[in-house]
Amino acid sequence: MASRFSWFLCSLLALLFCHDAAFAAKKPQQIDIKTLQEMTGKGYPAPNGKQYAVLHLTGKKLKDLKCPQIAYKCTRNVDANCNFAPVFSVSLLKWFEETFRHSEWQLIHTALRPMLQKWQANNSDDSDNTKCPESLYLYSYFAPDYIPDRIKFGYTCTQAIVTQIPNILNEKGCKNKTRIVVGFSKVMNKTEACGGYRFMKQNKITVYDLGSRLQNKQLNCRGIPDFEKLG
């Protein structure tokens, strides 16, 4: 009788452990998706419905934050926790000069470094341990560009996400301390979007397609060839 009870108790504990483990595994994903969905309303919205992006460093509740609009190549009004940028006019720009006006590019190259400086100043204490945000969230309405003609020159927003964000985190002592999470709502070119999506995931960046019908909000790239391997 005792052995049967022990078997039942062990089975029950194992079931409870698996349930707790499964819940814990889902929780970060649920938090990510909820956070990114909240960020979609922080573009206020972008003028004329154009592309915009929002950059958020965790530490304060997003719903309580006002996200200032950054100016191109100007750090004066950058906030420590949340900023957004629309796409600047690109009608007179050519090739990679257009990328420099993309909202994600601006936030990474203009806002991220001063954001981290202000964030660390606001969260510093007397210890020698470097304070770092738990997560960095970058939301853009359109999937970050990954245009084949610009890849070899490094002039795409996807490459800026993969290379420049970790470099800036490393400068501030936050390498491997801050998660990088990217989300978007609309795909313009699925082949290019899937190329960028795969590239980010290969570099351990968490990515969500908020427009996806899948529960886990992953971009469905089934049947989409990897254009970097074509030809």
C-alpha atoms as a PDB file:
ATOM      1  CA  MET A   1       0.000   0.000   0.000  1.00  0.00           C
ATOM      2  CA  ALA A   2       2.794   2.376   0.944  1.00  0.00           C
ATOM      3  CA  SER A   3       4.578   1.695  -2.341  1.00  0.00           C
ATOM      4  CA  ARG A   4       1.403   2.503  -4.288  1.00  0.00           C
ATOM      5  CA  PHE A   5       1.001   5.761  -2.411  1.00  0.00           C
ATOM      6  CA  SER A   6       4.654   6.634  -3.013  1.00  0.00           C
ATOM      7  CA  TRP A   7       4.212   5.917  -6.722  1.00  0.00           C
ATOM      8  CA  PHE A   8       1.083   8.101  -6.808  1.00  0.00           C
ATOM      9  CA  LEU A   9       2.804  10.924  -4.917  1.00  0.00           C
ATOM     10  CA  CYS A  10       5.861  10.835  -7.181  1.00  0.00           C
ATOM     11  CA  SER A  11       3.647  10.859 -10.268  1.00  0.00           C
ATOM     12  CA  LEU A  12       1.669  13.806  -8.917  1.00  0.00           C
ATOM     13  CA  LEU A  13       4.824  15.756  -8.094  1.00  0.00           C
ATOM     14  CA  ALA A  14       6.252  15.022 -11.541  1.00  0.00           C
ATOM     15  CA  LEU A  15       3.020  16.239 -13.154  1.00  0.00           C
ATOM     16  CA  LEU A  16       3.049  19.433 -11.105  1.00  0.00           C
ATOM     17  CA  PHE A  17       6.720  20.013 -11.925  1.00  0.00           C
ATOM     18  CA  CYS A  18       6.116  19.576 -15.654  1.00  0.00           C
ATOM     19  CA  HIS A  19       3.130  21.941 -15.478  1.00  0.00           C
ATOM     20  CA  ASP A  20       5.187  24.580 -13.655  1.00  0.00           C
ATOM     21  CA  ALA A  21       8.062  24.144 -16.115  1.00  0.00           C
ATOM     22  CA  ALA A  22       5.730  24.495 -19.079  1.00  0.00           C
ATOM     23  CA  PHE A  23       4.147  27.623 -17.567  1.00  0.00           C
ATOM     24  CA  ALA A  24       7.578  29.128 -16.881  1.00  0.00           C
ATOM     25  CA  ALA A  25       8.630  28.383 -20.467  1.00  0.00           C
ATOM     26  CA  LYS A  26       5.567  30.168 -21.833  1.00  0.00           C
ATOM     27  CA  LYS A  27       5.715  33.184 -19.569  1.00  0.00           C
ATOM     28  CA  PRO A  28       8.631  35.060 -21.253  1.00  0.00           C
ATOM     29  CA  GLN A  29       6.946  34.624 -24.644  1.00  0.00           C
ATOM     30  CA  GLN A  30       3.650  35.941 -23.284  1.00  0.00           C
ATOM     31  CA  ILE A  31       5.428  38.924 -21.717  1.00  0.00           C
ATOM     32  CA  ASP A  32       7.278  39.646 -24.971  1.00  0.00           C
ATOM     33  CA  ILE A  33       4.148  39.585 -27.107  1.00  0.00           C
ATOM     34  CA  LYS A  34       2.169  41.716 -24.643  1.00  0.00           C
ATOM     35  CA  THR A  35       5.006  44.262 -24.423  1.00  0.00           C
ATOM     36  CA  LEU A  36       5.382  44.499 -28.204  1.00  0.00           C
ATOM     37  CA  GLN A  37       1.623  44.877 -28.639  1.00  0.00           C
ATOM     38  CA  GLU A  38       1.664  47.756 -26.149  1.00  0.00           C
ATOM     39  CA  MET A  39       4.496  49.333 -28.128  1.00  0.00           C
ATOM     40  CA  THR A  40       2.373  49.458 -31.280  1.00  0.00           C
ATOM     41  CA  GLY A  41       0.467  52.356 -29.725  1.00  0.00           C
ATOM     42  CA  LYS A  42       3.596  54.328 -28.846  1.00  0.00           C
ATOM     43  CA  GLY A  43       4.057  55.779 -32.354  1.00  0.00           C
ATOM     44  CA  TYR A  44       1.131  58.153 -31.639  1.00  0.00           C
ATOM     45  CA  PRO A  45       0.677  57.069 -34.608  1.00  0.00           C
ATOM     46  CA  ALA A  46       3.342  57.867 -37.185  1.00  0.00           C
ATOM     47  CA  PRO A  47       2.440  60.767 -39.522  1.00  0.00           C
ATOM     48  CA  ASN A  48       0.248  59.697 -42.463  1.00  0.00           C
ATOM     49  CA  GLY A  49       0.421  56.087 -41.376  1.00  0.00           C
ATOM     50  CA  LYS A  50       4.043  55.757 -42.467  1.00  0.00           C
ATOM     51  CA  GLN A  51       6.553  53.333 -41.002  1.00  0.00           C
ATOM     52  CA  TYR A  52       7.645  53.967 -37.429  1.00  0.00           C
ATOM     53  CA  ALA A  53       9.600  52.104 -34.767  1.00  0.00           C
ATOM     54  CA  VAL A  54       9.726  52.147 -30.959  1.00  0.00           C
ATOM     55  CA  LEU A  55      12.705  51.282 -28.762  1.00  0.00           C
ATOM     56  CA  HIS A  56      12.080  50.325 -25.129  1.00  0.00           C
ATOM     57  CA  LEU A  57      14.458  49.394 -22.301  1.00  0.00           C
ATOM     58  CA  THR A  58      12.728  47.533 -19.481  1.00  0.00           C
ATOM     59  CA  GLY A  59      12.705  48.922 -15.962  1.00  0.00           C
ATOM     60  CA  LYS A  60       9.509  50.963 -15.906  1.00  0.00           C
ATOM     61  CA  LYS A  61       5.992  49.966 -16.902  1.00  0.00           C
ATOM     62  CA  LEU A  62       5.509  50.755 -20.561  1.00  0.00           C
ATOM     63  CA  LYS A  63       1.880  51.808 -20.085  1.00  0.00           C
ATOM     64  CA  ASP A  64       3.050  54.611 -17.776  1.00  0.00           C
ATOM     65  CA  LEU A  65       5.640  55.937 -20.214  1.00  0.00           C
ATOM     66  CA  LYS A  66       5.431  58.650 -22.809  1.00  0.00           C
ATOM     67  CA  CYS A  67       7.803  57.834 -25.656  1.00  0.00           C
ATOM     68  CA  PRO A  68       9.392  60.991 -27.112  1.00  0.00           C
ATOM     69  CA  GLN A  69      10.002  61.267 -30.839  1.00  0.00           C
ATOM     70  CA  ILE A  70      13.698  61.486 -31.553  1.00  0.00           C
ATOM     71  CA  ALA A  71      15.127  63.884 -34.103  1.00  0.00           C
ATOM     72  CA  TYR A  72      17.405  62.602 -36.857  1.00  0.00           C
ATOM     73  CA  LYS A  73      21.000  62.472 -35.554  1.00  0.00           C
ATOM     74  CA  CYS A  74      19.996  64.484 -32.474  1.00  0.00           C
ATOM     75  CA  THR A  75      20.140  63.024 -28.956  1.00  0.00           C
ATOM     76  CA  ARG A  76      18.803  66.028 -27.058  1.00  0.00           C
ATOM     77  CA  ASN A  77      15.334  64.649 -26.236  1.00  0.00           C
ATOM     78  CA  VAL A  78      16.229  60.962 -25.909  1.00  0.00           C
ATOM     79  CA  ASP A  79      14.469  59.301 -22.960  1.00  0.00           C
ATOM     80  CA  ALA A  80      16.040  56.516 -20.904  1.00  0.00           C
ATOM     81  CA  ASN A  81      13.208  54.001 -21.282  1.00  0.00           C
ATOM     82  CA  CYS A  82      11.229  54.614 -24.452  1.00  0.00           C
ATOM     83  CA  ASN A  83      11.571  56.501 -27.737  1.00  0.00           C
ATOM     84  CA  PHE A  84       9.991  56.325 -31.167  1.00  0.00           C
ATOM     85  CA  ALA A  85      11.000  57.439 -34.648  1.00  0.00           C
ATOM     86  CA  PRO A  86       9.077  57.749 -37.907  1.00  0.00           C
ATOM     87  CA  VAL A  87      10.664  57.305 -41.299  1.00  0.00           C
ATOM     88  CA  PHE A  88      11.968  60.622 -42.554  1.00  0.00           C
ATOM     89  CA  SER A  89      11.246  61.701 -46.144  1.00  0.00           C
ATOM     90  CA  VAL A  90      13.153  59.476 -48.544  1.00  0.00           C
ATOM     91  CA  SER A  91      11.912  60.816 -51.879  1.00  0.00           C
ATOM     92  CA  LEU A  92      15.212  62.550 -52.714  1.00  0.00           C
ATOM     93  CA  LEU A  93      17.508  59.900 -51.275  1.00  0.00           C
ATOM     94  CA  LYS A  94      19.167  57.071 -53.141  1.00  0.00           C
ATOM     95  CA  TRP A  95      20.191  53.547 -52.232  1.00  0.00           C
ATOM     96  CA  PHE A  96      21.679  53.079 -48.728  1.00  0.00           C
ATOM     97  CA  GLU A  97      21.155  56.753 -47.858  1.00  0.00           C
ATOM     98  CA  GLU A  98      17.491  55.810 -47.626  1.00  0.00           C
ATOM     99  CA  THR A  99      18.284  53.167 -44.986  1.00  0.00           C
ATOM    100  CA  PHE A 100      19.829  55.836 -42.765  1.00  0.00           C
ATOM    101  CA  ARG A 101      16.356  57.410 -42.539  1.00  0.00           C
ATOM    102  CA  HIS A 102      14.624  54.155 -41.593  1.00  0.00           C
ATOM    103  CA  SER A 103      13.109  54.367 -38.139  1.00  0.00           C
ATOM    104  CA  GLU A 104      14.961  51.316 -36.760  1.00  0.00           C
ATOM    105  CA  TRP A 105      18.306  52.617 -38.033  1.00  0.00           C
ATOM    106  CA  GLN A 106      17.728  55.992 -36.357  1.00  0.00           C
ATOM    107  CA  LEU A 107      16.787  54.466 -33.026  1.00  0.00           C
ATOM    108  CA  ILE A 108      19.817  52.175 -32.999  1.00  0.00           C
ATOM    109  CA  HIS A 109      22.415  54.644 -34.255  1.00  0.00           C
ATOM    110  CA  THR A 110      21.046  57.825 -32.660  1.00  0.00           C
ATOM    111  CA  ALA A 111      19.076  56.856 -29.552  1.00  0.00           C
ATOM    112  CA  LEU A 112      20.346  53.577 -28.106  1.00  0.00           C
ATOM    113  CA  ARG A 113      23.713  54.724 -26.711  1.00  0.00           C
ATOM    114  CA  PRO A 114      22.319  57.782 -24.858  1.00  0.00           C
ATOM    115  CA  MET A 115      19.330  55.708 -23.744  1.00  0.00           C
ATOM    116  CA  LEU A 116      21.635  53.200 -22.073  1.00  0.00           C
ATOM    117  CA  GLN A 117      23.701  55.984 -20.503  1.00  0.00           C
ATOM    118  CA  LYS A 118      20.598  57.592 -19.000  1.00  0.00           C
ATOM    119  CA  TRP A 119      19.113  54.239 -17.999  1.00  0.00           C
ATOM    120  CA  GLN A 120      22.268  53.266 -16.106  1.00  0.00           C
ATOM    121  CA  ALA A 121      22.491  56.689 -14.456  1.00  0.00           C
ATOM    122  CA  ASN A 122      18.889  56.352 -13.280  1.00  0.00           C
ATOM    123  CA  ASN A 123      19.422  52.834 -11.973  1.00  0.00           C
ATOM    124  CA  SER A 124      22.913  53.114 -10.493  1.00  0.00           C
ATOM    125  CA  ASP A 125      23.840  52.369  -6.892  1.00  0.00           C
ATOM    126  CA  ASP A 126      27.018  52.198  -4.824  1.00  0.00           C
ATOM    127  CA  SER A 127      27.901  48.653  -5.885  1.00  0.00           C
ATOM    128  CA  ASP A 128      30.485  47.864  -8.518  1.00  0.00           C
ATOM    129  CA  ASN A 129      28.038  45.733 -10.502  1.00  0.00           C
ATOM    130  CA  THR A 130      26.995  47.209 -13.835  1.00  0.00           C
ATOM    131  CA  LYS A 131      23.245  47.708 -14.004  1.00  0.00           C
ATOM    132  CA  CYS A 132      21.633  46.609 -17.249  1.00  0.00           C
ATOM    133  CA  PRO A 133      18.033  46.423 -18.465  1.00  0.00           C
ATOM    134  CA  GLU A 134      16.673  42.902 -18.489  1.00  0.00           C
ATOM    135  CA  SER A 135      15.390  43.252 -22.049  1.00  0.00           C
ATOM    136  CA  LEU A 136      15.666  45.598 -25.000  1.00  0.00           C
ATOM    137  CA  TYR A 137      12.560  45.702 -27.179  1.00  0.00           C
ATOM    138  CA  LEU A 138      12.553  47.078 -30.729  1.00  0.00           C
ATOM    139  CA  TYR A 139       9.198  47.237 -32.477  1.00  0.00           C
ATOM    140  CA  SER A 140       8.746  48.381 -36.063  1.00  0.00           C
ATOM    141  CA  TYR A 141       5.518  48.504 -38.032  1.00  0.00           C
ATOM    142  CA  PHE A 142       7.146  46.940 -41.105  1.00  0.00           C
ATOM    143  CA  ALA A 143       9.554  44.013 -40.805  1.00  0.00           C
ATOM    144  CA  PRO A 144      13.140  45.404 -40.622  1.00  0.00           C
ATOM    145  CA  ASP A 145      14.597  45.746 -44.098  1.00  0.00           C
ATOM    146  CA  TYR A 146      17.040  43.142 -45.374  1.00  0.00           C
ATOM    147  CA  ILE A 147      17.520  44.239 -48.962  1.00  0.00           C
ATOM    148  CA  PRO A 148      19.863  41.886 -50.887  1.00  0.00           C
ATOM    149  CA  ASP A 149      21.702  44.675 -52.759  1.00  0.00           C
ATOM    150  CA  ARG A 150      22.650  46.334 -49.464  1.00  0.00           C
ATOM    151  CA  ILE A 151      23.560  43.303 -47.376  1.00  0.00           C
ATOM    152  CA  LYS A 152      27.204  43.064 -48.497  1.00  0.00           C
ATOM    153  CA  PHE A 153      27.704  46.698 -47.458  1.00  0.00           C
ATOM    154  CA  GLY A 154      26.053  46.261 -44.041  1.00  0.00           C
ATOM    155  CA  TYR A 155      23.397  48.865 -44.798  1.00  0.00           C
ATOM    156  CA  THR A 156      20.206  47.155 -43.659  1.00  0.00           C
ATOM    157  CA  CYS A 157      18.241  47.591 -40.444  1.00  0.00           C
ATOM    158  CA  THR A 158      18.401  43.858 -39.806  1.00  0.00           C
ATOM    159  CA  GLN A 159      22.211  43.988 -39.804  1.00  0.00           C
ATOM    160  CA  ALA A 160      22.135  46.999 -37.495  1.00  0.00           C
ATOM    161  CA  ILE A 161      19.998  44.968 -35.090  1.00  0.00           C
ATOM    162  CA  VAL A 162      22.328  41.961 -35.227  1.00  0.00           C
ATOM    163  CA  THR A 163      25.652  43.836 -35.051  1.00  0.00           C
ATOM    164  CA  GLN A 164      25.218  47.336 -33.652  1.00  0.00           C
ATOM    165  CA  ILE A 165      22.831  46.627 -30.789  1.00  0.00           C
ATOM    166  CA  PRO A 166      25.170  43.979 -29.252  1.00  0.00           C
ATOM    167  CA  ASN A 167      28.169  46.284 -29.824  1.00  0.00           C
ATOM    168  CA  ILE A 168      26.515  49.147 -27.941  1.00  0.00           C
ATOM    169  CA  LEU A 169      25.363  46.815 -25.158  1.00  0.00           C
ATOM    170  CA  ASN A 170      28.929  45.544 -24.892  1.00  0.00           C
ATOM    171  CA  GLU A 171      30.272  49.112 -24.601  1.00  0.00           C
ATOM    172  CA  LYS A 172      28.050  49.628 -21.566  1.00  0.00           C
ATOM    173  CA  GLY A 173      28.954  46.328 -19.902  1.00  0.00           C
ATOM    174  CA  CYS A 174      25.652  44.688 -20.799  1.00  0.00           C
ATOM    175  CA  LYS A 175      26.860  41.941 -23.119  1.00  0.00           C
ATOM    176  CA  ASN A 176      24.888  38.747 -22.384  1.00  0.00           C
ATOM    177  CA  LYS A 177      22.952  40.612 -19.679  1.00  0.00           C
ATOM    178  CA  THR A 178      20.233  42.202 -21.826  1.00  0.00           C
ATOM    179  CA  ARG A 179      17.907  40.191 -24.059  1.00  0.00           C
ATOM    180  CA  ILE A 180      17.221  41.593 -27.522  1.00  0.00           C
ATOM    181  CA  VAL A 181      13.604  41.205 -28.648  1.00  0.00           C
ATOM    182  CA  VAL A 182      12.310  42.388 -32.038  1.00  0.00           C
ATOM    183  CA  GLY A 183       8.726  42.574 -33.239  1.00  0.00           C
ATOM    184  CA  PHE A 184       6.886  43.806 -36.314  1.00  0.00           C
ATOM    185  CA  SER A 185       3.310  43.921 -37.605  1.00  0.00           C
ATOM    186  CA  LYS A 186       3.446  43.927 -41.398  1.00  0.00           C
ATOM    187  CA  VAL A 187       5.525  42.112 -44.019  1.00  0.00           C
ATOM    188  CA  MET A 188       6.091  43.892 -47.329  1.00  0.00           C
ATOM    189  CA  ASN A 189       8.364  41.353 -49.048  1.00  0.00           C
ATOM    190  CA  LYS A 190       8.156  37.908 -47.492  1.00  0.00           C
ATOM    191  CA  THR A 191      11.383  36.575 -49.031  1.00  0.00           C
ATOM    192  CA  GLU A 192      13.382  39.492 -47.619  1.00  0.00           C
ATOM    193  CA  ALA A 193      11.497  39.406 -44.307  1.00  0.00           C
ATOM    194  CA  CYS A 194      12.221  35.687 -43.909  1.00  0.00           C
ATOM    195  CA  GLY A 195      15.888  36.281 -44.715  1.00  0.00           C
ATOM    196  CA  GLY A 196      16.118  38.889 -41.972  1.00  0.00           C
ATOM    197  CA  TYR A 197      14.032  36.796 -39.597  1.00  0.00           C
ATOM    198  CA  ARG A 198      16.353  33.797 -40.010  1.00  0.00           C
ATOM    199  CA  PHE A 199      19.453  35.970 -39.656  1.00  0.00           C
ATOM    200  CA  MET A 200      18.218  37.465 -36.378  1.00  0.00           C
ATOM    201  CA  LYS A 201      17.209  34.107 -34.912  1.00  0.00           C
ATOM    202  CA  GLN A 202      20.562  32.584 -35.907  1.00  0.00           C
ATOM    203  CA  ASN A 203      22.142  35.320 -33.782  1.00  0.00           C
ATOM    204  CA  LYS A 204      19.977  34.492 -30.743  1.00  0.00           C
ATOM    205  CA  ILE A 205      17.641  37.454 -31.138  1.00  0.00           C
ATOM    206  CA  THR A 206      14.020  36.761 -30.233  1.00  0.00           C
ATOM    207  CA  VAL A 207      11.675  37.779 -33.057  1.00  0.00           C
ATOM    208  CA  TYR A 208       7.873  37.981 -33.290  1.00  0.00           C
ATOM    209  CA  ASP A 209       5.527  38.650 -36.192  1.00  0.00           C
ATOM    210  CA  LEU A 210       2.564  40.288 -34.461  1.00  0.00           C
ATOM    211  CA  GLY A 211       0.507  39.856 -37.617  1.00  0.00           C
ATOM    212  CA  SER A 212       1.003  36.097 -37.576  1.00  0.00           C
ATOM    213  CA  ARG A 213      -1.980  33.811 -37.077  1.00  0.00           C
ATOM    214  CA  LEU A 214       0.229  31.376 -35.181  1.00  0.00           C
ATOM    215  CA  GLN A 215      -0.209  31.412 -31.412  1.00  0.00           C
ATOM    216  CA  ASN A 216       3.514  31.890 -30.813  1.00  0.00           C
ATOM    217  CA  LYS A 217       3.583  34.811 -33.299  1.00  0.00           C
ATOM    218  CA  GLN A 218       6.394  33.334 -35.375  1.00  0.00           C
ATOM    219  CA  LEU A 219       6.836  34.340 -39.027  1.00  0.00           C
ATOM    220  CA  ASN A 220       5.795  31.436 -41.223  1.00  0.00           C
ATOM    221  CA  CYS A 221       8.689  30.995 -43.680  1.00  0.00           C
ATOM    222  CA  ARG A 222       7.763  27.516 -44.849  1.00  0.00           C
ATOM    223  CA  GLY A 223       8.471  27.224 -48.553  1.00  0.00           C
ATOM    224  CA  ILE A 224      10.339  30.563 -48.668  1.00  0.00           C
ATOM    225  CA  PRO A 225      13.875  29.992 -49.983  1.00  0.00           C
ATOM    226  CA  ASP A 226      16.895  31.545 -48.315  1.00  0.00           C
ATOM    227  CA  PHE A 227      17.890  34.111 -50.944  1.00  0.00           C
ATOM    228  CA  GLU A 228      21.428  34.349 -49.545  1.00  0.00           C
ATOM    229  CA  LYS A 229      21.975  30.739 -50.685  1.00  0.00           C
ATOM    230  CA  LEU A 230      20.366  31.089 -54.110  1.00  0.00           C
ATOM    231  CA  GLY A 231      22.446  31.213 -57.274  1.00  0.00           C
END
